[in-house]
Protein backbone atom coordinates (compact mmCIF):
# COMPACT_ATOMS: atom_id res chain seq x y z
CA UNK A 1 -4.29 -111.95 -52.35
CA UNK A 2 -2.11 -111.55 -49.28
CA UNK A 3 -1.71 -107.85 -50.01
CA UNK A 4 -5.46 -107.43 -50.46
CA UNK A 5 -6.19 -109.08 -47.12
CA UNK A 6 -3.63 -106.94 -45.34
CA UNK A 7 -5.16 -103.84 -46.84
CA UNK A 8 -8.68 -104.95 -45.96
CA UNK A 9 -7.67 -105.71 -42.38
CA UNK A 10 -6.48 -102.12 -41.89
CA UNK A 11 -9.62 -100.49 -43.27
CA UNK A 12 -11.77 -100.58 -40.08
CA UNK A 13 -8.89 -99.40 -37.88
CA UNK A 14 -7.98 -96.57 -40.24
CA UNK A 15 -11.50 -95.12 -40.11
CA UNK A 16 -11.85 -95.15 -36.35
CA UNK A 17 -9.25 -92.48 -35.53
CA UNK A 18 -10.72 -90.16 -38.17
CA UNK A 19 -14.18 -90.50 -36.69
CA UNK A 20 -12.83 -89.94 -33.19
CA UNK A 21 -10.95 -86.84 -34.29
CA UNK A 22 -14.02 -85.45 -36.04
CA UNK A 23 -16.12 -85.98 -32.91
CA UNK A 24 -13.50 -84.31 -30.74
CA UNK A 25 -13.25 -81.34 -33.11
CA UNK A 26 -17.03 -80.96 -33.13
CA UNK A 27 -17.24 -81.22 -29.36
CA UNK A 28 -14.51 -78.61 -28.94
CA UNK A 29 -16.22 -76.29 -31.43
CA UNK A 30 -19.49 -76.65 -29.50
CA UNK A 31 -17.74 -75.84 -26.21
CA UNK A 32 -16.16 -72.73 -27.68
CA UNK A 33 -19.41 -71.63 -29.33
CA UNK A 34 -21.42 -72.01 -26.13
CA UNK A 35 -18.94 -70.02 -24.04
CA UNK A 36 -18.61 -67.31 -26.69
CA UNK A 37 -22.35 -66.87 -27.16
CA UNK A 38 -23.10 -66.64 -23.46
CA UNK A 39 -20.41 -63.98 -23.16
CA UNK A 40 -21.73 -62.03 -26.16
CA UNK A 41 -25.53 -62.22 -25.87
CA UNK A 42 -26.15 -63.61 -22.39
CA UNK A 43 -27.48 -66.95 -21.25
CA UNK A 44 -31.17 -66.22 -21.90
CA UNK A 45 -30.57 -65.42 -25.57
CA UNK A 46 -28.20 -68.32 -26.15
CA UNK A 47 -29.93 -71.23 -27.89
CA UNK A 48 -29.02 -74.71 -29.05
CA UNK A 49 -29.64 -73.51 -32.61
CA UNK A 50 -27.27 -70.60 -32.10
CA UNK A 51 -24.59 -72.82 -30.60
CA UNK A 52 -24.94 -75.28 -33.48
CA UNK A 53 -24.69 -72.54 -36.11
CA UNK A 54 -21.67 -70.99 -34.40
CA UNK A 55 -19.95 -74.37 -34.10
CA UNK A 56 -20.76 -75.42 -37.65
CA UNK A 57 -22.66 -78.56 -36.62
CA UNK A 58 -26.26 -79.72 -36.81
CA UNK A 59 -28.39 -79.13 -33.73
CA UNK A 60 -29.15 -82.85 -33.61
CA UNK A 61 -25.47 -83.42 -32.97
CA UNK A 62 -25.78 -81.32 -29.82
CA UNK A 63 -28.99 -83.02 -28.69
CA UNK A 64 -27.33 -86.39 -29.19
CA UNK A 65 -24.67 -85.48 -26.61
CA UNK A 66 -26.48 -83.11 -24.23
CA UNK A 67 -30.11 -82.71 -23.04
CA UNK A 68 -30.01 -78.91 -22.73
CA UNK A 69 -27.97 -75.78 -23.30
CA UNK A 70 -27.25 -75.68 -19.57
CA UNK A 71 -25.60 -79.10 -19.81
CA UNK A 72 -23.57 -77.93 -22.81
CA UNK A 73 -22.40 -74.87 -20.91
CA UNK A 74 -21.53 -76.82 -17.77
CA UNK A 75 -19.38 -79.30 -19.67
CA UNK A 76 -17.80 -76.49 -21.68
CA UNK A 77 -16.94 -74.67 -18.47
CA UNK A 78 -15.42 -77.77 -16.89
CA UNK A 79 -13.36 -78.27 -20.05
CA UNK A 80 -12.26 -74.63 -19.93
CA UNK A 81 -10.87 -75.18 -16.45
CA UNK A 82 -9.04 -78.31 -17.57
CA UNK A 83 -7.49 -76.50 -20.51
CA UNK A 84 -6.45 -73.59 -18.30
CA UNK A 85 -4.74 -76.02 -15.93
CA UNK A 86 -2.95 -77.74 -18.79
CA UNK A 87 -1.77 -74.40 -20.15
CA UNK A 88 -0.18 -73.69 -16.78
CA UNK A 89 1.44 -77.11 -16.76
CA UNK A 90 -0.98 -78.49 -14.20
CA UNK A 91 -3.45 -81.34 -14.23
CA UNK A 92 -6.50 -82.63 -12.42
CA UNK A 93 -4.35 -83.32 -9.35
CA UNK A 94 -3.06 -79.75 -9.07
CA UNK A 95 -2.53 -78.52 -5.54
CA UNK A 96 -2.22 -75.20 -3.74
CA UNK A 97 1.50 -74.49 -3.29
CA UNK A 98 2.98 -75.44 0.06
CA UNK A 99 6.03 -73.27 0.66
CA UNK A 100 5.64 -73.49 4.41
CA UNK A 101 4.11 -69.99 4.47
CA UNK A 102 0.33 -70.52 4.55
CA UNK A 103 -0.52 -66.84 4.26
CA UNK A 104 1.67 -66.33 1.18
CA UNK A 105 0.37 -69.50 -0.49
CA UNK A 106 -3.26 -68.57 0.01
CA UNK A 107 -2.68 -65.02 -1.19
CA UNK A 108 -1.12 -66.37 -4.38
CA UNK A 109 -4.13 -68.58 -5.09
CA UNK A 110 -6.76 -66.03 -4.11
CA UNK A 111 -5.17 -63.37 -6.30
CA UNK A 112 -5.33 -65.79 -9.24
CA UNK A 113 -8.99 -66.42 -8.37
CA UNK A 114 -9.68 -62.67 -8.45
CA UNK A 115 -8.10 -62.44 -11.90
CA UNK A 116 -10.25 -65.34 -13.08
CA UNK A 117 -13.45 -63.85 -11.68
CA UNK A 118 -12.68 -60.54 -13.39
CA UNK A 119 -12.20 -62.31 -16.74
CA UNK A 120 -15.34 -61.89 -18.94
CA UNK A 121 -14.74 -65.38 -20.31
CA UNK A 122 -15.27 -66.75 -16.82
CA UNK A 123 -17.76 -64.26 -15.46
CA UNK A 124 -20.69 -64.66 -17.87
CA UNK A 125 -20.89 -68.47 -18.08
CA UNK A 126 -20.20 -68.91 -14.37
CA UNK A 127 -22.99 -66.52 -13.39
CA UNK A 128 -25.34 -68.23 -15.84
CA UNK A 129 -24.61 -71.65 -14.38
CA UNK A 130 -24.94 -70.42 -10.80
CA UNK A 131 -28.32 -68.85 -11.58
CA UNK A 132 -29.58 -71.84 -13.54
CA UNK A 133 -28.49 -74.15 -10.75
CA UNK A 134 -30.87 -72.37 -8.37
CA UNK A 135 -33.94 -73.29 -10.46
CA UNK A 136 -32.60 -76.64 -11.68
CA UNK A 137 -31.53 -78.69 -8.64
CA UNK A 138 -29.98 -81.45 -10.76
CA UNK A 139 -27.82 -78.97 -12.66
CA UNK A 140 -27.00 -77.21 -9.41
CA UNK A 141 -25.78 -80.45 -7.88
CA UNK A 142 -23.61 -81.14 -10.94
CA UNK A 143 -22.26 -77.57 -10.81
CA UNK A 144 -21.16 -78.10 -7.21
CA UNK A 145 -19.81 -81.60 -7.79
CA UNK A 146 -17.91 -80.94 -11.01
CA UNK A 147 -16.79 -77.33 -10.58
CA UNK A 148 -16.88 -76.13 -6.99
CA UNK A 149 -16.05 -79.16 -4.88
CA UNK A 150 -12.75 -80.06 -6.63
CA UNK A 151 -11.54 -76.50 -6.05
CA UNK A 152 -12.64 -76.45 -2.43
CA UNK A 153 -10.91 -79.78 -1.86
CA UNK A 154 -7.60 -78.11 -2.70
CA UNK A 155 -8.13 -75.59 0.10
CA UNK A 156 -9.07 -78.37 2.52
CA UNK A 157 -5.87 -80.24 1.70
CA UNK A 158 -3.67 -77.15 2.10
CA UNK A 159 -5.28 -76.12 5.38
CA UNK A 160 -5.04 -79.68 6.68
CA UNK A 161 -1.32 -79.68 5.90
CA UNK A 162 -0.95 -76.36 7.73
CA UNK A 163 -2.79 -77.78 10.72
CA UNK A 164 -0.45 -80.78 10.77
CA UNK A 165 2.51 -78.38 10.64
CA UNK A 166 1.20 -76.48 13.67
CA UNK A 167 0.36 -73.34 11.67
CA UNK A 168 -3.36 -73.73 12.33
CA UNK A 169 -5.04 -74.58 15.63
CA UNK A 170 -5.72 -78.33 15.93
CA UNK A 171 -9.45 -77.87 16.53
CA UNK A 172 -9.97 -75.89 13.29
CA UNK A 173 -12.14 -77.63 10.66
CA UNK A 174 -10.49 -76.90 7.26
CA UNK A 175 -13.80 -77.27 5.41
CA UNK A 176 -15.34 -74.49 7.47
CA UNK A 177 -12.15 -72.42 7.64
CA UNK A 178 -11.85 -72.10 3.86
CA UNK A 179 -15.18 -70.29 3.80
CA UNK A 180 -13.60 -67.42 5.72
CA UNK A 181 -11.94 -66.21 2.52
CA UNK A 182 -13.69 -68.08 -0.31
CA UNK A 183 -17.15 -67.10 0.94
CA UNK A 184 -16.66 -63.30 1.07
CA UNK A 185 -14.86 -63.33 -2.27
CA UNK A 186 -17.74 -65.18 -3.93
CA UNK A 187 -20.30 -62.93 -2.24
CA UNK A 188 -18.62 -59.77 -3.54
CA UNK A 189 -18.30 -61.26 -7.04
CA UNK A 190 -21.87 -62.55 -7.20
CA UNK A 191 -23.57 -59.40 -5.91
CA UNK A 192 -21.05 -56.90 -7.32
CA UNK A 193 -21.04 -55.03 -4.02
CA UNK A 194 -17.52 -53.71 -4.67
CA UNK A 195 -14.60 -54.30 -7.06
CA UNK A 196 -12.59 -57.50 -6.75
CA UNK A 197 -8.95 -56.60 -6.22
CA UNK A 198 -5.72 -58.25 -5.12
CA UNK A 199 -5.70 -56.00 -2.07
CA UNK A 200 -9.12 -57.31 -1.04
CA UNK A 201 -7.97 -60.91 -1.53
CA UNK A 202 -4.87 -60.25 0.60
CA UNK A 203 -7.00 -58.76 3.38
CA UNK A 204 -9.30 -61.77 3.43
CA UNK A 205 -6.34 -64.12 3.79
CA UNK A 206 -4.72 -61.99 6.50
CA UNK A 207 -7.90 -61.77 8.56
CA UNK A 208 -8.60 -65.48 8.19
CA UNK A 209 -5.11 -66.84 8.76
CA UNK A 210 -4.41 -64.68 11.78
CA UNK A 211 -7.66 -65.87 13.31
CA UNK A 212 -6.78 -69.51 12.62
CA UNK A 213 -3.20 -69.35 13.93
CA UNK A 214 -2.29 -70.76 17.34
CA UNK A 215 -2.58 -68.22 20.12
């Protein structure tokens, strides 16, 4: 009897991890399916049914977790960024390097941003979310809060450190200053006015930093 009770007491616990793992696998498959479909057929032709079929789950599973395909894509994109950071050995608290050379540090980060923007896996879903956020204010606010603001905060922190070190004029507002290079880069990417290159990223940093430096 003692053995039976011990076995029975483990039954509920033994099922929970399996269920959790199945849910995580399904969620990951849905993320991957959403990102892949948007890249292959575009946002307009991506459907919940298509995502479900690609992920090998029922569409009700998706509707149980998300209210729309835009919400699926947003969460998938956030997860993509987290996974990319983990692959590089980083985490949610990653920072822009501080070698003491502000110009070099910003060039390093902006070049990596150019590479990301030129990656089809980033380009299609990011454009879709940016466009959808214009017509859906709630999604747009989540896009800014979950994707853009954490990245911009890293620039604010690095520029604030440079200001404290005397590399940036004391009256400079880091939140405004970061737009001197992030803004033009995003504008060129969004409107495709010209190719995004490392040389362009370097020029943006040089123009911005030399204008911010003490005179």
